[in-house]
Structure formats: C-alpha cells, structure tokens
Amino acid sequence: MDGFWVYILPSKPRGTLYVGVTNDLVRRVYEHREGLAASFSQRHGIKLLVYYERHDTAALAIQREKNIKHWPRQWKVDLIITQNPEWRDLFDLITR
C-alpha cells in the first residue's frame, strides 16, 4: 500500500478518537493494536481502524491530518459514518 495515509482509530465505536498520518498504514495500525504506539493510544485503548484515506504526497496527508484534528468531534464522526456507518474494524481489509 504505497502513498501516505490519514487514518482515524477509536477506542470503541463512538469512543475516544485518534487521528494520525503514516506512510505505512498496515504497520502503523498494527503498532496501535499491539500497544506499541504512542502513550495516548495505549492509555485510551485505541485499536480499531474505522477510517482511512490515501494521499499522493506527505505534505497533502500531513495538512489533511492537521485539518481533521482541528475539526469539531461531530465532523470527525460524520466523516467516519460516510465511509463506515457501522464503525467496523477495517484492519482485515487493508491486510488482504
């Protein structure tokens, strides 16, 4: 999976949200799931991949991440719901 990725992980459906950016989505989500990622995700049990989007450049992905992080929570929830209304864990989808 080449490119740069913006992703959202909750602690549970409609739980605490984490917005991140990476150039290796599978590796980064695996780190969150295994508790190898930053302490915020460990503290809040952030493990589910519910949203992701690809960008061609790091600059575009980083800017998008910053924008989403500054959005009100409801906008983030609405973004997730547009792509994943059941808040399913998408990790298996990206590891096929």
PDB file of N, CA and C in Angstrom:
ATOM      1  N   MET A   1       0.849  -1.180   0.000  1.00  0.00           N
ATOM      2  CA  MET A   1       0.000   0.000   0.000  1.00  0.00           C
ATOM      3  C   MET A   1       0.892   1.241   0.000  1.00  0.00           C
ATOM      4  N   ASP A   2       1.192   1.725  -1.176  1.00  0.00           N
ATOM      5  CA  ASP A   2       2.048   2.904  -1.257  1.00  0.00           C
ATOM      6  C   ASP A   2       1.232   4.175  -1.072  1.00  0.00           C
ATOM      7  N   GLY A   3       1.928   5.271  -0.889  1.00  0.00           N
ATOM      8  CA  GLY A   3       1.277   6.555  -0.667  1.00  0.00           C
ATOM      9  C   GLY A   3       1.386   6.959   0.786  1.00  0.00           C
ATOM     10  N   PHE A   4       0.604   7.943   1.142  1.00  0.00           N
ATOM     11  CA  PHE A   4       0.576   8.476   2.507  1.00  0.00           C
ATOM     12  C   PHE A   4      -0.872   8.421   2.975  1.00  0.00           C
ATOM     13  N   TRP A   5      -1.044   8.089   4.228  1.00  0.00           N
ATOM     14  CA  TRP A   5      -2.373   7.754   4.747  1.00  0.00           C
ATOM     15  C   TRP A   5      -2.746   8.598   5.954  1.00  0.00           C
ATOM     16  N   VAL A   6      -3.970   9.083   5.948  1.00  0.00           N
ATOM     17  CA  VAL A   6      -4.575   9.703   7.126  1.00  0.00           C
ATOM     18  C   VAL A   6      -5.573   8.675   7.630  1.00  0.00           C
ATOM     19  N   TYR A   7      -5.584   8.456   8.928  1.00  0.00           N
ATOM     20  CA  TYR A   7      -6.443   7.413   9.473  1.00  0.00           C
ATOM     21  C   TYR A   7      -7.057   7.864  10.795  1.00  0.00           C
ATOM     22  N   ILE A   8      -8.175   7.233  11.138  1.00  0.00           N
ATOM     23  CA  ILE A   8      -8.847   7.508  12.409  1.00  0.00           C
ATOM     24  C   ILE A   8      -9.090   6.176  13.106  1.00  0.00           C
ATOM     25  N   LEU A   9      -8.723   6.142  14.376  1.00  0.00           N
ATOM     26  CA  LEU A   9      -8.961   4.972  15.220  1.00  0.00           C
ATOM     27  C   LEU A   9      -9.693   5.418  16.473  1.00  0.00           C
ATOM     28  N   PRO A  10     -10.761   4.709  16.851  1.00  0.00           N
ATOM     29  CA  PRO A  10     -11.435   4.985  18.127  1.00  0.00           C
ATOM     30  C   PRO A  10     -11.080   3.909  19.150  1.00  0.00           C
ATOM     31  N   SER A  11     -11.347   4.194  20.400  1.00  0.00           N
ATOM     32  CA  SER A  11     -11.190   3.198  21.450  1.00  0.00           C
ATOM     33  C   SER A  11     -12.314   2.163  21.374  1.00  0.00           C
ATOM     34  N   LYS A  12     -13.464   2.583  20.886  1.00  0.00           N
ATOM     35  CA  LYS A  12     -14.644   1.742  20.665  1.00  0.00           C
ATOM     36  C   LYS A  12     -15.543   2.561  19.750  1.00  0.00           C
ATOM     37  N   PRO A  13     -16.593   1.974  19.187  1.00  0.00           N
ATOM     38  CA  PRO A  13     -17.483   2.794  18.362  1.00  0.00           C
ATOM     39  C   PRO A  13     -17.962   4.028  19.134  1.00  0.00           C
ATOM     40  N   ARG A  14     -17.735   5.169  18.534  1.00  0.00           N
ATOM     41  CA  ARG A  14     -18.073   6.477  19.110  1.00  0.00           C
ATOM     42  C   ARG A  14     -17.291   6.805  20.376  1.00  0.00           C
ATOM     43  N   GLY A  15     -16.161   6.135  20.569  1.00  0.00           N
ATOM     44  CA  GLY A  15     -15.307   6.391  21.732  1.00  0.00           C
ATOM     45  C   GLY A  15     -14.289   7.484  21.446  1.00  0.00           C
ATOM     46  N   THR A  16     -13.208   7.504  22.229  1.00  0.00           N
ATOM     47  CA  THR A  16     -12.118   8.457  22.053  1.00  0.00           C
ATOM     48  C   THR A  16     -11.509   8.270  20.671  1.00  0.00           C
ATOM     49  N   LEU A  17     -11.270   9.370  19.950  1.00  0.00           N
ATOM     50  CA  LEU A  17     -10.752   9.303  18.584  1.00  0.00           C
ATOM     51  C   LEU A  17      -9.286   9.690  18.529  1.00  0.00           C
ATOM     52  N   TYR A  18      -8.541   8.989  17.664  1.00  0.00           N
ATOM     53  CA  TYR A  18      -7.144   9.309  17.376  1.00  0.00           C
ATOM     54  C   TYR A  18      -7.032   9.507  15.877  1.00  0.00           C
ATOM     55  N   VAL A  19      -6.467  10.625  15.462  1.00  0.00           N
ATOM     56  CA  VAL A  19      -6.246  10.917  14.049  1.00  0.00           C
ATOM     57  C   VAL A  19      -4.745  10.905  13.818  1.00  0.00           C
ATOM     58  N   GLY A  20      -4.297  10.145  12.817  1.00  0.00           N
ATOM     59  CA  GLY A  20      -2.871  10.046  12.552  1.00  0.00           C
ATOM     60  C   GLY A  20      -2.560  10.079  11.070  1.00  0.00           C
ATOM     61  N   VAL A  21      -1.253  10.127  10.779  1.00  0.00           N
ATOM     62  CA  VAL A  21      -0.764  10.103   9.400  1.00  0.00           C
ATOM     63  C   VAL A  21       0.437   9.168   9.350  1.00  0.00           C
ATOM     64  N   THR A  22       0.597   8.453   8.236  1.00  0.00           N
ATOM     65  CA  THR A  22       1.691   7.499   8.102  1.00  0.00           C
ATOM     66  C   THR A  22       1.965   7.216   6.633  1.00  0.00           C
ATOM     67  N   ASN A  23       3.130   6.664   6.362  1.00  0.00           N
ATOM     68  CA  ASN A  23       3.428   6.196   5.010  1.00  0.00           C
ATOM     69  C   ASN A  23       3.292   4.676   4.914  1.00  0.00           C
ATOM     70  N   ASP A  24       2.966   4.019   6.031  1.00  0.00           N
ATOM     71  CA  ASP A  24       2.778   2.565   6.060  1.00  0.00           C
ATOM     72  C   ASP A  24       1.582   2.259   6.967  1.00  0.00           C
ATOM     73  N   LEU A  25       0.409   2.220   6.375  1.00  0.00           N
ATOM     74  CA  LEU A  25      -0.823   2.095   7.145  1.00  0.00           C
ATOM     75  C   LEU A  25      -0.900   0.771   7.906  1.00  0.00           C
ATOM     76  N   VAL A  26      -0.532  -0.322   7.271  1.00  0.00           N
ATOM     77  CA  VAL A  26      -0.613  -1.623   7.927  1.00  0.00           C
ATOM     78  C   VAL A  26       0.291  -1.658   9.152  1.00  0.00           C
ATOM     79  N   ARG A  27       1.534  -1.217   8.997  1.00  0.00           N
ATOM     80  CA  ARG A  27       2.483  -1.222  10.115  1.00  0.00           C
ATOM     81  C   ARG A  27       1.987  -0.342  11.259  1.00  0.00           C
ATOM     82  N   ARG A  28       1.529   0.847  10.918  1.00  0.00           N
ATOM     83  CA  ARG A  28       1.132   1.799  11.961  1.00  0.00           C
ATOM     84  C   ARG A  28      -0.094   1.322  12.729  1.00  0.00           C
ATOM     85  N   VAL A  29      -1.087   0.794  12.042  1.00  0.00           N
ATOM     86  CA  VAL A  29      -2.272   0.292  12.731  1.00  0.00           C
ATOM     87  C   VAL A  29      -1.898  -0.922  13.583  1.00  0.00           C
ATOM     88  N   TYR A  30      -1.021  -1.774  13.071  1.00  0.00           N
ATOM     89  CA  TYR A  30      -0.538  -2.914  13.855  1.00  0.00           C
ATOM     90  C   TYR A  30       0.106  -2.419  15.158  1.00  0.00           C
ATOM     91  N   GLU A  31       0.910  -1.364  15.078  1.00  0.00           N
ATOM     92  CA  GLU A  31       1.542  -0.808  16.279  1.00  0.00           C
ATOM     93  C   GLU A  31       0.497  -0.342  17.291  1.00  0.00           C
ATOM     94  N   HIS A  32      -0.545   0.294  16.821  1.00  0.00           N
ATOM     95  CA  HIS A  32      -1.633   0.714  17.724  1.00  0.00           C
ATOM     96  C   HIS A  32      -2.301  -0.505  18.352  1.00  0.00           C
ATOM     97  N   ARG A  33      -2.614  -1.498  17.540  1.00  0.00           N
ATOM     98  CA  ARG A  33      -3.321  -2.683  18.028  1.00  0.00           C
ATOM     99  C   ARG A  33      -2.515  -3.450  19.078  1.00  0.00           C
ATOM    100  N   GLU A  34      -1.205  -3.469  18.906  1.00  0.00           N
ATOM    101  CA  GLU A  34      -0.340  -4.230  19.813  1.00  0.00           C
ATOM    102  C   GLU A  34       0.170  -3.389  20.983  1.00  0.00           C
ATOM    103  N   GLY A  35      -0.261  -2.147  21.073  1.00  0.00           N
ATOM    104  CA  GLY A  35       0.172  -1.292  22.173  1.00  0.00           C
ATOM    105  C   GLY A  35       1.590  -0.783  22.019  1.00  0.00           C
ATOM    106  N   LEU A  36       2.116  -0.772  20.801  1.00  0.00           N
ATOM    107  CA  LEU A  36       3.476  -0.320  20.537  1.00  0.00           C
ATOM    108  C   LEU A  36       3.531   1.157  20.149  1.00  0.00           C
ATOM    109  N   ALA A  37       2.384   1.768  19.963  1.00  0.00           N
ATOM    110  CA  ALA A  37       2.308   3.154  19.516  1.00  0.00           C
ATOM    111  C   ALA A  37       2.354   4.104  20.711  1.00  0.00           C
ATOM    112  N   ALA A  38       2.191   5.355  20.424  1.00  0.00           N
ATOM    113  CA  ALA A  38       2.291   6.424  21.427  1.00  0.00           C
ATOM    114  C   ALA A  38       1.420   6.161  22.655  1.00  0.00           C
ATOM    115  N   SER A  39       1.794   6.763  23.751  1.00  0.00           N
ATOM    116  CA  SER A  39       1.116   6.513  25.025  1.00  0.00           C
ATOM    117  C   SER A  39      -0.364   6.928  25.010  1.00  0.00           C
ATOM    118  N   PHE A  40      -0.735   7.927  24.214  1.00  0.00           N
ATOM    119  CA  PHE A  40      -2.145   8.320  24.130  1.00  0.00           C
ATOM    120  C   PHE A  40      -2.992   7.135  23.706  1.00  0.00           C
ATOM    121  N   SER A  41      -2.556   6.440  22.661  1.00  0.00           N
ATOM    122  CA  SER A  41      -3.349   5.309  22.184  1.00  0.00           C
ATOM    123  C   SER A  41      -3.328   4.154  23.174  1.00  0.00           C
ATOM    124  N   GLN A  42      -2.243   3.979  23.891  1.00  0.00           N
ATOM    125  CA  GLN A  42      -2.190   2.941  24.929  1.00  0.00           C
ATOM    126  C   GLN A  42      -3.143   3.274  26.074  1.00  0.00           C
ATOM    127  N   ARG A  43      -3.100   4.515  26.538  1.00  0.00           N
ATOM    128  CA  ARG A  43      -3.958   4.944  27.659  1.00  0.00           C
ATOM    129  C   ARG A  43      -5.441   4.772  27.356  1.00  0.00           C
ATOM    130  N   HIS A  44      -5.811   5.033  26.118  1.00  0.00           N
ATOM    131  CA  HIS A  44      -7.225   5.040  25.750  1.00  0.00           C
ATOM    132  C   HIS A  44      -7.676   3.761  25.041  1.00  0.00           C
ATOM    133  N   GLY A  45      -6.788   2.795  24.892  1.00  0.00           N
ATOM    134  CA  GLY A  45      -7.169   1.536  24.244  1.00  0.00           C
ATOM    135  C   GLY A  45      -7.563   1.704  22.789  1.00  0.00           C
ATOM    136  N   ILE A  46      -6.839   2.553  22.083  1.00  0.00           N
ATOM    137  CA  ILE A  46      -7.133   2.862  20.680  1.00  0.00           C
ATOM    138  C   ILE A  46      -6.596   1.724  19.806  1.00  0.00           C
ATOM    139  N   LYS A  47      -7.500   0.963  19.192  1.00  0.00           N
ATOM    140  CA  LYS A  47      -7.064  -0.209  18.435  1.00  0.00           C
ATOM    141  C   LYS A  47      -7.826  -0.451  17.138  1.00  0.00           C
ATOM    142  N   LEU A  48      -8.974   0.157  16.959  1.00  0.00           N
ATOM    143  CA  LEU A  48      -9.827  -0.123  15.805  1.00  0.00           C
ATOM    144  C   LEU A  48      -9.550   0.856  14.667  1.00  0.00           C
ATOM    145  N   LEU A  49      -9.385   0.355  13.460  1.00  0.00           N
ATOM    146  CA  LEU A  49      -9.254   1.213  12.286  1.00  0.00           C
ATOM    147  C   LEU A  49     -10.644   1.379  11.689  1.00  0.00           C
ATOM    148  N   VAL A  50     -11.174   2.589  11.734  1.00  0.00           N
ATOM    149  CA  VAL A  50     -12.532   2.807  11.213  1.00  0.00           C
ATOM    150  C   VAL A  50     -12.575   3.738   9.999  1.00  0.00           C
ATOM    151  N   TYR A  51     -11.446   4.409   9.705  1.00  0.00           N
ATOM    152  CA  TYR A  51     -11.430   5.331   8.573  1.00  0.00           C
ATOM    153  C   TYR A  51     -10.001   5.502   8.092  1.00  0.00           C
ATOM    154  N   TYR A  52      -9.817   5.562   6.773  1.00  0.00           N
ATOM    155  CA  TYR A  52      -8.511   5.912   6.214  1.00  0.00           C
ATOM    156  C   TYR A  52      -8.696   6.501   4.825  1.00  0.00           C
ATOM    157  N   GLU A  53      -7.742   7.313   4.435  1.00  0.00           N
ATOM    158  CA  GLU A  53      -7.733   7.890   3.096  1.00  0.00           C
ATOM    159  C   GLU A  53      -6.300   8.035   2.626  1.00  0.00           C
ATOM    160  N   ARG A  54      -6.091   7.838   1.327  1.00  0.00           N
ATOM    161  CA  ARG A  54      -4.755   7.876   0.732  1.00  0.00           C
ATOM    162  C   ARG A  54      -4.478   9.233   0.093  1.00  0.00           C
ATOM    163  N   HIS A  55      -3.214   9.660   0.189  1.00  0.00           N
ATOM    164  CA  HIS A  55      -2.762  10.891  -0.461  1.00  0.00           C
ATOM    165  C   HIS A  55      -1.462  10.599  -1.200  1.00  0.00           C
ATOM    166  N   ASP A  56      -1.228  11.343  -2.265  1.00  0.00           N
ATOM    167  CA  ASP A  56      -0.035  11.118  -3.087  1.00  0.00           C
ATOM    168  C   ASP A  56       1.244  11.650  -2.467  1.00  0.00           C
ATOM    169  N   THR A  57       1.135  12.695  -1.654  1.00  0.00           N
ATOM    170  CA  THR A  57       2.340  13.291  -1.073  1.00  0.00           C
ATOM    171  C   THR A  57       2.207  13.399   0.440  1.00  0.00           C
ATOM    172  N   ALA A  58       3.348  13.415   1.098  1.00  0.00           N
ATOM    173  CA  ALA A  58       3.366  13.575   2.548  1.00  0.00           C
ATOM    174  C   ALA A  58       2.769  14.919   2.938  1.00  0.00           C
ATOM    175  N   ALA A  59       3.078  15.959   2.185  1.00  0.00           N
ATOM    176  CA  ALA A  59       2.583  17.297   2.512  1.00  0.00           C
ATOM    177  C   ALA A  59       1.052  17.337   2.523  1.00  0.00           C
ATOM    178  N   LEU A  60       0.432  16.714   1.520  1.00  0.00           N
ATOM    179  CA  LEU A  60      -1.038  16.693   1.471  1.00  0.00           C
ATOM    180  C   LEU A  60      -1.622  15.903   2.633  1.00  0.00           C
ATOM    181  N   ALA A  61      -1.023  14.770   2.954  1.00  0.00           N
ATOM    182  CA  ALA A  61      -1.522  13.937   4.053  1.00  0.00           C
ATOM    183  C   ALA A  61      -1.372  14.655   5.391  1.00  0.00           C
ATOM    184  N   ILE A  62      -0.238  15.280   5.608  1.00  0.00           N
ATOM    185  CA  ILE A  62       0.002  15.988   6.869  1.00  0.00           C
ATOM    186  C   ILE A  62      -0.968  17.155   7.025  1.00  0.00           C
ATOM    187  N   GLN A  63      -1.198  17.894   5.944  1.00  0.00           N
ATOM    188  CA  GLN A  63      -2.141  19.016   6.019  1.00  0.00           C
ATOM    189  C   GLN A  63      -3.555  18.523   6.306  1.00  0.00           C
ATOM    190  N   ARG A  64      -3.941  17.425   5.662  1.00  0.00           N
ATOM    191  CA  ARG A  64      -5.280  16.864   5.901  1.00  0.00           C
ATOM    192  C   ARG A  64      -5.413  16.400   7.356  1.00  0.00           C
ATOM    193  N   GLU A  65      -4.390  15.740   7.880  1.00  0.00           N
ATOM    194  CA  GLU A  65      -4.414  15.302   9.280  1.00  0.00           C
ATOM    195  C   GLU A  65      -4.592  16.502  10.208  1.00  0.00           C
ATOM    196  N   LYS A  66      -3.826  17.554   9.971  1.00  0.00           N
ATOM    197  CA  LYS A  66      -3.931  18.755  10.807  1.00  0.00           C
ATOM    198  C   LYS A  66      -5.327  19.356  10.737  1.00  0.00           C
ATOM    199  N   ASN A  67      -5.879  19.403   9.530  1.00  0.00           N
ATOM    200  CA  ASN A  67      -7.232  19.945   9.383  1.00  0.00           C
ATOM    201  C   ASN A  67      -8.241  19.121  10.170  1.00  0.00           C
ATOM    202  N   ILE A  68      -8.201  17.803  10.004  1.00  0.00           N
ATOM    203  CA  ILE A  68      -9.155  16.936  10.696  1.00  0.00           C
ATOM    204  C   ILE A  68      -8.994  17.052  12.203  1.00  0.00           C
ATOM    205  N   LYS A  69      -7.766  17.115  12.689  1.00  0.00           N
ATOM    206  CA  LYS A  69      -7.536  17.222  14.135  1.00  0.00           C
ATOM    207  C   LYS A  69      -8.177  18.479  14.725  1.00  0.00           C
ATOM    208  N   HIS A  70      -8.296  19.528  13.917  1.00  0.00           N
ATOM    209  CA  HIS A  70      -8.873  20.777  14.412  1.00  0.00           C
ATOM    210  C   HIS A  70     -10.391  20.849  14.226  1.00  0.00           C
ATOM    211  N   TRP A  71     -10.960  19.856  13.592  1.00  0.00           N
ATOM    212  CA  TRP A  71     -12.408  19.830  13.402  1.00  0.00           C
ATOM    213  C   TRP A  71     -13.115  19.552  14.723  1.00  0.00           C
ATOM    214  N   PRO A  72     -14.360  19.990  14.841  1.00  0.00           N
ATOM    215  CA  PRO A  72     -15.180  19.548  15.980  1.00  0.00           C
ATOM    216  C   PRO A  72     -15.369  18.031  15.919  1.00  0.00           C
ATOM    217  N   ARG A  73     -15.559  17.435  17.064  1.00  0.00           N
ATOM    218  CA  ARG A  73     -15.711  15.981  17.141  1.00  0.00           C
ATOM    219  C   ARG A  73     -16.814  15.469  16.205  1.00  0.00           C
ATOM    220  N   GLN A  74     -17.954  16.166  16.144  1.00  0.00           N
ATOM    221  CA  GLN A  74     -19.060  15.686  15.317  1.00  0.00           C
ATOM    222  C   GLN A  74     -18.674  15.598  13.847  1.00  0.00           C
ATOM    223  N   TRP A  75     -17.852  16.502  13.361  1.00  0.00           N
ATOM    224  CA  TRP A  75     -17.409  16.449  11.968  1.00  0.00           C
ATOM    225  C   TRP A  75     -16.588  15.183  11.731  1.00  0.00           C
ATOM    226  N   LYS A  76     -15.744  14.822  12.695  1.00  0.00           N
ATOM    227  CA  LYS A  76     -14.944  13.597  12.576  1.00  0.00           C
ATOM    228  C   LYS A  76     -15.859  12.377  12.555  1.00  0.00           C
ATOM    229  N   VAL A  77     -16.839  12.362  13.443  1.00  0.00           N
ATOM    230  CA  VAL A  77     -17.810  11.262  13.483  1.00  0.00           C
ATOM    231  C   VAL A  77     -18.548  11.176  12.153  1.00  0.00           C
ATOM    232  N   ASP A  78     -18.977  12.308  11.620  1.00  0.00           N
ATOM    233  CA  ASP A  78     -19.679  12.325  10.337  1.00  0.00           C
ATOM    234  C   ASP A  78     -18.788  11.799   9.208  1.00  0.00           C
ATOM    235  N   LEU A  79     -17.505  12.133   9.230  1.00  0.00           N
ATOM    236  CA  LEU A  79     -16.566  11.638   8.220  1.00  0.00           C
ATOM    237  C   LEU A  79     -16.478  10.116   8.280  1.00  0.00           C
ATOM    238  N   ILE A  80     -16.372   9.577   9.470  1.00  0.00           N
ATOM    239  CA  ILE A  80     -16.322   8.120   9.637  1.00  0.00           C
ATOM    240  C   ILE A  80     -17.607   7.486   9.116  1.00  0.00           C
ATOM    241  N   ILE A  81     -18.734   8.042   9.504  1.00  0.00           N
ATOM    242  CA  ILE A  81     -20.032   7.470   9.134  1.00  0.00           C
ATOM    243  C   ILE A  81     -20.240   7.466   7.623  1.00  0.00           C
ATOM    244  N   THR A  82     -19.704   8.455   6.910  1.00  0.00           N
ATOM    245  CA  THR A  82     -19.880   8.482   5.448  1.00  0.00           C
ATOM    246  C   THR A  82     -19.225   7.267   4.796  1.00  0.00           C
ATOM    247  N   GLN A  83     -18.138   6.773   5.351  1.00  0.00           N
ATOM    248  CA  GLN A  83     -17.411   5.641   4.775  1.00  0.00           C
ATOM    249  C   GLN A  83     -17.695   4.324   5.491  1.00  0.00           C
ATOM    250  N   ASN A  84     -18.035   4.399   6.771  1.00  0.00           N
ATOM    251  CA  ASN A  84     -18.121   3.196   7.594  1.00  0.00           C
ATOM    252  C   ASN A  84     -19.229   3.372   8.650  1.00  0.00           C
ATOM    253  N   PRO A  85     -20.486   3.364   8.229  1.00  0.00           N
ATOM    254  CA  PRO A  85     -21.579   3.676   9.156  1.00  0.00           C
ATOM    255  C   PRO A  85     -21.694   2.714  10.342  1.00  0.00           C
ATOM    256  N   GLU A  86     -21.217   1.478  10.200  1.00  0.00           N
ATOM    257  CA  GLU A  86     -21.282   0.517  11.307  1.00  0.00           C
ATOM    258  C   GLU A  86     -20.046   0.563  12.205  1.00  0.00           C
ATOM    259  N   TRP A  87     -19.094   1.428  11.890  1.00  0.00           N
ATOM    260  CA  TRP A  87     -17.844   1.537  12.656  1.00  0.00           C
ATOM    261  C   TRP A  87     -17.126   0.183  12.724  1.00  0.00           C
ATOM    262  N   ARG A  88     -17.131  -0.556  11.613  1.00  0.00           N
ATOM    263  CA  ARG A  88     -16.430  -1.841  11.557  1.00  0.00           C
ATOM    264  C   ARG A  88     -14.925  -1.620  11.606  1.00  0.00           C
ATOM    265  N   ASP A  89     -14.211  -2.566  12.158  1.00  0.00           N
ATOM    266  CA  ASP A  89     -12.749  -2.530  12.151  1.00  0.00           C
ATOM    267  C   ASP A  89     -12.280  -2.908  10.747  1.00  0.00           C
ATOM    268  N   LEU A  90     -11.537  -2.026  10.091  1.00  0.00           N
ATOM    269  CA  LEU A  90     -11.125  -2.216   8.704  1.00  0.00           C
ATOM    270  C   LEU A  90      -9.735  -2.836   8.569  1.00  0.00           C
ATOM    271  N   PHE A  91      -9.126  -3.246   9.665  1.00  0.00           N
ATOM    272  CA  PHE A  91      -7.758  -3.763   9.619  1.00  0.00           C
ATOM    273  C   PHE A  91      -7.641  -4.970   8.688  1.00  0.00           C
ATOM    274  N   ASP A  92      -8.572  -5.904   8.767  1.00  0.00           N
ATOM    275  CA  ASP A  92      -8.508  -7.081   7.896  1.00  0.00           C
ATOM    276  C   ASP A  92      -8.592  -6.691   6.423  1.00  0.00           C
ATOM    277  N   LEU A  93      -9.321  -5.648   6.124  1.00  0.00           N
ATOM    278  CA  LEU A  93      -9.463  -5.168   4.754  1.00  0.00           C
ATOM    279  C   LEU A  93      -8.131  -4.682   4.191  1.00  0.00           C
ATOM    280  N   ILE A  94      -7.319  -4.031   4.992  1.00  0.00           N
ATOM    281  CA  ILE A  94      -6.053  -3.483   4.479  1.00  0.00           C
ATOM    282  C   ILE A  94      -4.910  -4.499   4.509  1.00  0.00           C
ATOM    283  N   THR A  95      -5.125  -5.653   5.138  1.00  0.00           N
ATOM    284  CA  THR A  95      -4.066  -6.658   5.203  1.00  0.00           C
ATOM    285  C   THR A  95      -4.271  -7.789   4.211  1.00  0.00           C
ATOM    286  N   ARG A  96      -5.269  -7.701   3.366  1.00  0.00           N
ATOM    287  CA  ARG A  96      -5.527  -8.749   2.353  1.00  0.00           C
ATOM    288  C   ARG A  96      -4.549  -8.663   1.227  1.00  0.00           C
TER     289      ARG A  96
END
